[in-house]
Amino acid sequence: MKDGVIVKKGTDPETDSYSALFNNTKKVATELVQLLLESGISDVFVCGLATDVCVGATVKDALLLGYRTILVDDAVRGITVEGIEATKRQLLQHHTVIVKSSEVKNMVAGTDRRPELGLKLALEIQKRRKK
């Protein structure tokens, strides 16, 4: 992939690392955190395996870092139906947007502007003002 970046996680044999952003202790960030900051990224689209474990952990960490976060539903797979549905419910409560892969291009181009992402941005601005 041209200009692609490979982010390694789970390299410490003593600590699990489900998220693509932090290990499970949240004390060690992957290089993706710095890359997102340096690149001025505001929106994070997440896909992969498994919805109810690694993907869910990555989405939660992206939300905690203040990113507008989008789960690409037809580009993820989970372990159990119950786990997938529970994870999606939890992510929706924290202003994650769940879309199909066919919707991503228009979202990236800015022709599909979701109110939920505007709400997430407003909440992040409010949070920063309180600091």
C-alpha atoms as a PDB file:
ATOM      1  CA  MET A   1       0.000   0.000   0.000  1.00  0.00           C
ATOM      2  CA  LYS A   2       1.467   3.340  -1.028  1.00  0.00           C
ATOM      3  CA  ASP A   3       2.146   5.543   2.008  1.00  0.00           C
ATOM      4  CA  GLY A   4       0.669   2.839   4.244  1.00  0.00           C
ATOM      5  CA  VAL A   5       1.712   2.520   7.860  1.00  0.00           C
ATOM      6  CA  ILE A   6       1.937  -0.699   9.811  1.00  0.00           C
ATOM      7  CA  VAL A   7       1.180  -0.240  13.496  1.00  0.00           C
ATOM      8  CA  LYS A   8       2.330  -3.042  15.745  1.00  0.00           C
ATOM      9  CA  LYS A   9       0.459  -3.872  18.923  1.00  0.00           C
ATOM     10  CA  GLY A  10       0.693  -6.632  21.472  1.00  0.00           C
ATOM     11  CA  THR A  11       4.474  -6.675  21.395  1.00  0.00           C
ATOM     12  CA  ASP A  12       4.842  -6.901  25.193  1.00  0.00           C
ATOM     13  CA  PRO A  13       4.481 -10.554  26.237  1.00  0.00           C
ATOM     14  CA  GLU A  14       3.453  -9.438  29.749  1.00  0.00           C
ATOM     15  CA  THR A  15       0.511  -7.213  28.717  1.00  0.00           C
ATOM     16  CA  ASP A  16      -2.433  -7.794  26.394  1.00  0.00           C
ATOM     17  CA  SER A  17      -3.123  -5.156  23.779  1.00  0.00           C
ATOM     18  CA  TYR A  18      -6.574  -5.343  22.234  1.00  0.00           C
ATOM     19  CA  SER A  19      -6.749  -1.727  21.070  1.00  0.00           C
ATOM     20  CA  ALA A  20      -4.765  -0.373  18.133  1.00  0.00           C
ATOM     21  CA  LEU A  21      -4.092   2.741  20.249  1.00  0.00           C
ATOM     22  CA  PHE A  22      -3.030   1.524  23.724  1.00  0.00           C
ATOM     23  CA  ASN A  23      -2.146  -1.622  25.561  1.00  0.00           C
ATOM     24  CA  ASN A  24      -4.742  -2.861  28.049  1.00  0.00           C
ATOM     25  CA  THR A  25      -3.155  -0.983  30.957  1.00  0.00           C
ATOM     26  CA  LYS A  26      -3.538   2.290  28.996  1.00  0.00           C
ATOM     27  CA  LYS A  27       0.024   3.153  30.065  1.00  0.00           C
ATOM     28  CA  VAL A  28       1.679   2.431  26.714  1.00  0.00           C
ATOM     29  CA  ALA A  29       0.439   4.003  23.482  1.00  0.00           C
ATOM     30  CA  THR A  30       1.114   2.570  20.055  1.00  0.00           C
ATOM     31  CA  GLU A  31       2.717   4.739  17.396  1.00  0.00           C
ATOM     32  CA  LEU A  32      -0.747   5.264  15.921  1.00  0.00           C
ATOM     33  CA  VAL A  33      -1.605   7.781  18.668  1.00  0.00           C
ATOM     34  CA  GLN A  34       1.311  10.022  17.682  1.00  0.00           C
ATOM     35  CA  LEU A  35       0.657   9.509  13.978  1.00  0.00           C
ATOM     36  CA  LEU A  36      -2.965  10.655  14.346  1.00  0.00           C
ATOM     37  CA  LEU A  37      -1.871  13.730  16.304  1.00  0.00           C
ATOM     38  CA  GLU A  38       0.889  14.689  13.883  1.00  0.00           C
ATOM     39  CA  SER A  39      -1.412  14.222  10.897  1.00  0.00           C
ATOM     40  CA  GLY A  40      -4.183  16.411  12.303  1.00  0.00           C
ATOM     41  CA  ILE A  41      -6.722  13.616  12.037  1.00  0.00           C
ATOM     42  CA  SER A  42     -10.200  14.332  13.437  1.00  0.00           C
ATOM     43  CA  ASP A  43     -12.174  11.285  12.292  1.00  0.00           C
ATOM     44  CA  VAL A  44     -11.203   7.652  12.846  1.00  0.00           C
ATOM     45  CA  PHE A  45     -12.857   4.886  10.809  1.00  0.00           C
ATOM     46  CA  VAL A  46     -12.465   1.469  12.434  1.00  0.00           C
ATOM     47  CA  CYS A  47     -12.793  -1.988  10.891  1.00  0.00           C
ATOM     48  CA  GLY A  48     -11.271  -5.393  11.593  1.00  0.00           C
ATOM     49  CA  LEU A  49     -11.518  -8.324  13.998  1.00  0.00           C
ATOM     50  CA  ALA A  50     -13.123  -8.856  16.466  1.00  0.00           C
ATOM     51  CA  THR A  51     -15.972  -6.390  16.950  1.00  0.00           C
ATOM     52  CA  ASP A  52     -16.560  -7.377  20.552  1.00  0.00           C
ATOM     53  CA  VAL A  53     -12.874  -7.356  21.531  1.00  0.00           C
ATOM     54  CA  CYS A  54     -10.135  -5.555  19.567  1.00  0.00           C
ATOM     55  CA  VAL A  55     -12.351  -3.397  17.365  1.00  0.00           C
ATOM     56  CA  GLY A  56     -14.480  -2.356  20.330  1.00  0.00           C
ATOM     57  CA  ALA A  57     -11.381  -1.527  22.386  1.00  0.00           C
ATOM     58  CA  THR A  58      -9.951   0.576  19.553  1.00  0.00           C
ATOM     59  CA  VAL A  59     -13.212   2.494  19.118  1.00  0.00           C
ATOM     60  CA  LYS A  60     -13.437   3.166  22.869  1.00  0.00           C
ATOM     61  CA  ASP A  61      -9.850   4.433  22.987  1.00  0.00           C
ATOM     62  CA  ALA A  62     -10.379   6.656  19.940  1.00  0.00           C
ATOM     63  CA  LEU A  63     -13.449   8.139  21.632  1.00  0.00           C
ATOM     64  CA  LEU A  64     -11.506   8.703  24.862  1.00  0.00           C
ATOM     65  CA  LEU A  65      -8.861  10.566  22.875  1.00  0.00           C
ATOM     66  CA  GLY A  66     -11.589  12.821  21.480  1.00  0.00           C
ATOM     67  CA  TYR A  67     -11.794  11.528  17.927  1.00  0.00           C
ATOM     68  CA  ARG A  68     -15.025  11.435  15.993  1.00  0.00           C
ATOM     69  CA  THR A  69     -15.199   7.682  15.576  1.00  0.00           C
ATOM     70  CA  ILE A  70     -16.959   5.625  12.935  1.00  0.00           C
ATOM     71  CA  LEU A  71     -17.398   1.842  13.016  1.00  0.00           C
ATOM     72  CA  VAL A  72     -17.616   0.323   9.529  1.00  0.00           C
ATOM     73  CA  ASP A  73     -20.185  -2.372  10.264  1.00  0.00           C
ATOM     74  CA  ASP A  74     -19.806  -4.553   7.180  1.00  0.00           C
ATOM     75  CA  ALA A  75     -16.017  -4.541   7.553  1.00  0.00           C
ATOM     76  CA  VAL A  76     -15.947  -6.084  11.037  1.00  0.00           C
ATOM     77  CA  ARG A  77     -16.633  -9.508  12.475  1.00  0.00           C
ATOM     78  CA  GLY A  78     -17.074 -10.494  16.072  1.00  0.00           C
ATOM     79  CA  ILE A  79     -16.931 -13.569  18.233  1.00  0.00           C
ATOM     80  CA  THR A  80     -20.544 -13.877  19.384  1.00  0.00           C
ATOM     81  CA  VAL A  81     -23.753 -12.235  18.209  1.00  0.00           C
ATOM     82  CA  GLU A  82     -24.535 -11.222  21.792  1.00  0.00           C
ATOM     83  CA  GLY A  83     -21.081  -9.696  22.245  1.00  0.00           C
ATOM     84  CA  ILE A  84     -21.302  -7.821  18.955  1.00  0.00           C
ATOM     85  CA  GLU A  85     -24.724  -6.357  19.766  1.00  0.00           C
ATOM     86  CA  ALA A  86     -23.690  -5.392  23.315  1.00  0.00           C
ATOM     87  CA  THR A  87     -20.549  -3.699  21.994  1.00  0.00           C
ATOM     88  CA  LYS A  88     -22.492  -1.762  19.362  1.00  0.00           C
ATOM     89  CA  ARG A  89     -25.051  -0.576  21.949  1.00  0.00           C
ATOM     90  CA  GLN A  90     -22.263   0.623  24.218  1.00  0.00           C
ATOM     91  CA  LEU A  91     -20.437   2.409  21.391  1.00  0.00           C
ATOM     92  CA  LEU A  92     -23.611   4.147  20.217  1.00  0.00           C
ATOM     93  CA  GLN A  93     -24.142   5.501  23.744  1.00  0.00           C
ATOM     94  CA  HIS A  94     -20.742   7.204  23.435  1.00  0.00           C
ATOM     95  CA  HIS A  95     -21.495   8.879  20.087  1.00  0.00           C
ATOM     96  CA  THR A  96     -19.930   6.360  17.740  1.00  0.00           C
ATOM     97  CA  VAL A  97     -21.444   6.382  14.258  1.00  0.00           C
ATOM     98  CA  ILE A  98     -22.030   2.964  12.687  1.00  0.00           C
ATOM     99  CA  VAL A  99     -22.050   2.889   8.874  1.00  0.00           C
ATOM    100  CA  LYS A 100     -21.706   0.551   5.911  1.00  0.00           C
ATOM    101  CA  SER A 101     -18.508   0.610   3.843  1.00  0.00           C
ATOM    102  CA  SER A 102     -20.445   2.073   0.913  1.00  0.00           C
ATOM    103  CA  GLU A 103     -21.022   5.227   3.013  1.00  0.00           C
ATOM    104  CA  VAL A 104     -17.381   5.873   3.927  1.00  0.00           C
ATOM    105  CA  LYS A 105     -16.306   7.599   0.704  1.00  0.00           C
ATOM    106  CA  ASN A 106     -18.961  10.313   1.011  1.00  0.00           C
ATOM    107  CA  MET A 107     -18.190  10.813   4.687  1.00  0.00           C
ATOM    108  CA  VAL A 108     -14.489  11.280   3.962  1.00  0.00           C
ATOM    109  CA  ALA A 109     -15.311  13.636   1.077  1.00  0.00           C
ATOM    110  CA  GLY A 110     -17.531  15.691   3.388  1.00  0.00           C
ATOM    111  CA  THR A 111     -20.685  15.223   1.339  1.00  0.00           C
ATOM    112  CA  ASP A 112     -22.245  13.043   4.059  1.00  0.00           C
ATOM    113  CA  ARG A 113     -22.173  15.046   7.285  1.00  0.00           C
ATOM    114  CA  ARG A 114     -23.640  13.193  10.220  1.00  0.00           C
ATOM    115  CA  PRO A 115     -25.273  15.178  13.048  1.00  0.00           C
ATOM    116  CA  GLU A 116     -23.883  12.635  15.520  1.00  0.00           C
ATOM    117  CA  LEU A 117     -20.344  13.608  14.540  1.00  0.00           C
ATOM    118  CA  GLY A 118     -21.201  17.272  15.040  1.00  0.00           C
ATOM    119  CA  LEU A 119     -22.504  16.428  18.510  1.00  0.00           C
ATOM    120  CA  LYS A 120     -19.288  14.553  19.337  1.00  0.00           C
ATOM    121  CA  LEU A 121     -17.245  17.576  18.221  1.00  0.00           C
ATOM    122  CA  ALA A 122     -19.366  19.950  20.332  1.00  0.00           C
ATOM    123  CA  LEU A 123     -18.982  17.711  23.386  1.00  0.00           C
ATOM    124  CA  GLU A 124     -15.197  17.597  22.911  1.00  0.00           C
ATOM    125  CA  ILE A 125     -15.008  21.399  22.607  1.00  0.00           C
ATOM    126  CA  GLN A 126     -17.076  21.756  25.774  1.00  0.00           C
ATOM    127  CA  LYS A 127     -14.820  19.273  27.591  1.00  0.00           C
ATOM    128  CA  ARG A 128     -11.675  21.192  26.568  1.00  0.00           C
ATOM    129  CA  ARG A 129     -13.133  24.514  27.704  1.00  0.00           C
ATOM    130  CA  LYS A 130     -13.770  23.081  31.171  1.00  0.00           C
ATOM    131  CA  LYS A 131     -10.090  22.150  31.583  1.00  0.00           C
END
